[in-house]
Amino acid sequence: MAVGTVSLATPAAAQIGLGSPPLALCVKRIAPGDSPVRLFSAPTGFDCTSRQTGFGRGDFWVFAPVLPRSTHQGEPVGIRTAAIWQRHATLYGHYADGTIIALPLNQYNIARHLQLGAIVEQVMPARSAPLIQLLWRVEGASNMRGIVIGAQTATRDESARNNMFMAALYAAFGGLCVALLVHNLAMWSAMKHRFQIIYCLMVATLMIYALSSSGALAWLWPSMPDIDRIRINYLMLASSASLALVFARSYFEPRVFAGWIGVAGRVVIAGLMTSGLSFALLAPWQALALHKFFSFSFLAMVALIPALLWRAWRTKSSYFRVFALTWSAPIVFAGLRVANSLNLLQWSFWVDNSTILAMSSEALLSSLAISYRIRMLSRERDDARVQELAARALADTDPLTGLLNRRSFLARAIGRSGDQILMIADLDHFKAVNETIGHDGGDEVLRVFARSLRASLPAEALVARIGGEEFAIVLPADHPIDADTILDRLRAERMPFDLTVTASIGASTGPLATEIDWKKLYRRADRALFGAKSAGRDRARHDIALAA
């Protein structure tokens, strides 16, 4: 409510870092005939109880009727306020001796007064008389978050400590981002997963946002108008939030973003980027409306995250828990910022700078989520390799004996350089074996014979089952093996039901460079096998005439 004479108002709960408690402020619209001298002497018409955002846009006087005792010490006094966009503002200081000093501020000289944490500090000079009151004349206030917010006084030491604290905070965040970028770019160069490069882009935009929102950008570029710095804030914050959703889309399994969740995600991303670009291109025109559009786009993102996590839980995503942990802190802080932007929550320096905490937790925990995701992908890759090897083994081997099958045997045998020995081994009277002990018993006889072949042959030999009871062996001619050794080993094997099982072997030597060579060599070995069978079985024959 408006009051005739200014009385001490209750100070705001928020405080700008280190320094005195926030100043109690009173507001009135600029009226004809107003002047600092008249208002200091008779401060009437000020409202000390209504929220500043309730006054809307326009031109205002903001009065601080009482200052802390620290201003009575005859020293320079820093007047600190949060940086907000205004066309022009002049700070008037009223000393006890009646002197009034004016400190003008506009978009082009604000960089000289900007401190870390996006705090504007104007210094009232020391005089023999103490500083007793402050008055701001604000022209063209958009009043998005207030007219003059977070006002407090600070000594030089308090200002230096505040800058040191904020410098340490932002330096820690910058170092974290650089380390995460180097780590994840190195992993991306090796792994080439899409979500890794999206994450790196997100961290890069967060770094630029931290540089501009902290006020450090104004130190690097003193001539930059403050509205341009604010435009960068909006654009980078919208970009980082959009990339966070794109990161989530590439991180989760496709089923999580199926259906309406995927459509809603695209709409929210479009809203974020449109609102950020609109503010960056159009502000200060309709700055309040653009700011609300931006805030509601963030509100949509905050509302989408629980739905996204619910979908991840319903679809049994492998990454639900790690993502819920990763986004918990950023969503809480984003909710506070949105509430503050929509004037549902009183402005606070720490809420205003909570973005740095949210960004730190998001960047760090998202990197942990990436590490977890890569670990899961490595497991999936290893499992796939094992399955592939198993499939290849099944495709290349005879399922009964575990030896090479005919196709795999020929693929490995044909093309060998130098002369090779081919032996064809055939179990004697195997039909009678099946009739005596059954097909299951016959299968066991085949397995026993396969084991005896592997045990009696050198490692470089190829062994395969190429027919029902027919086996083939290929080994280099300069490493021959006596076929009788194979037969002796078979005779020593214990067969099912103590059955006596023998085999006959035919061998031939020659080149195996082509398929034609294989057919010739096989015919010779098969002729030698027929000779062994005709001679009474349980013996080996070599096609000597053709091998010479």
Foldseek 3Di string as FASTA:
>chain_A
DFFFADDAADFDPFAQAFADGFFQKWKDADDPPDDPLVCLVGVGGTHRPDAQLVVAWFKMKMKRQFADPVQAPQAKKKKKWADDAAAKKKKWWAFPVGDIDIDIDGQFQQLVQAAFLRMGIDIDGGDPTGTTMMMMTTGGDRSLQGGTPNIHMHDPVRRVVSRVVSVVLLVVLVVLLVVLLVVLVVVCVVPVQPLSVLLNVLSVLVNQLSCLSRSVVCVVVVRGGNLLSVLSNLQSVLSSLLSVLVSVCSLWDVQLLPDPLVVLNVVLNVQSNVLSVCSSPPPPPPNNVSLLSNLVSLVSSLVSVVVSLVSCVVVVIPLSVLVCQLCVLLSVLSVLVSCSSVVVDRDHSCSSVCVSVSSSSNSVSVSVSVVVSVVVVVVVVVVVVVVVVVVVQVVQADVLQSAGEPVNLLVVQAADDAKKKKKKKFKPPLVVVCVVPNPVLSSQLLNQLSVLVVVQDDPQKHWYDYDDRMIMIMDHPVDDDDVLSSQVSSQPDQGVVSDGIGMEMFMEMDDRHHVVRVVVRVVQRVVQRVVCVVVPGRYYGYSVVVRD
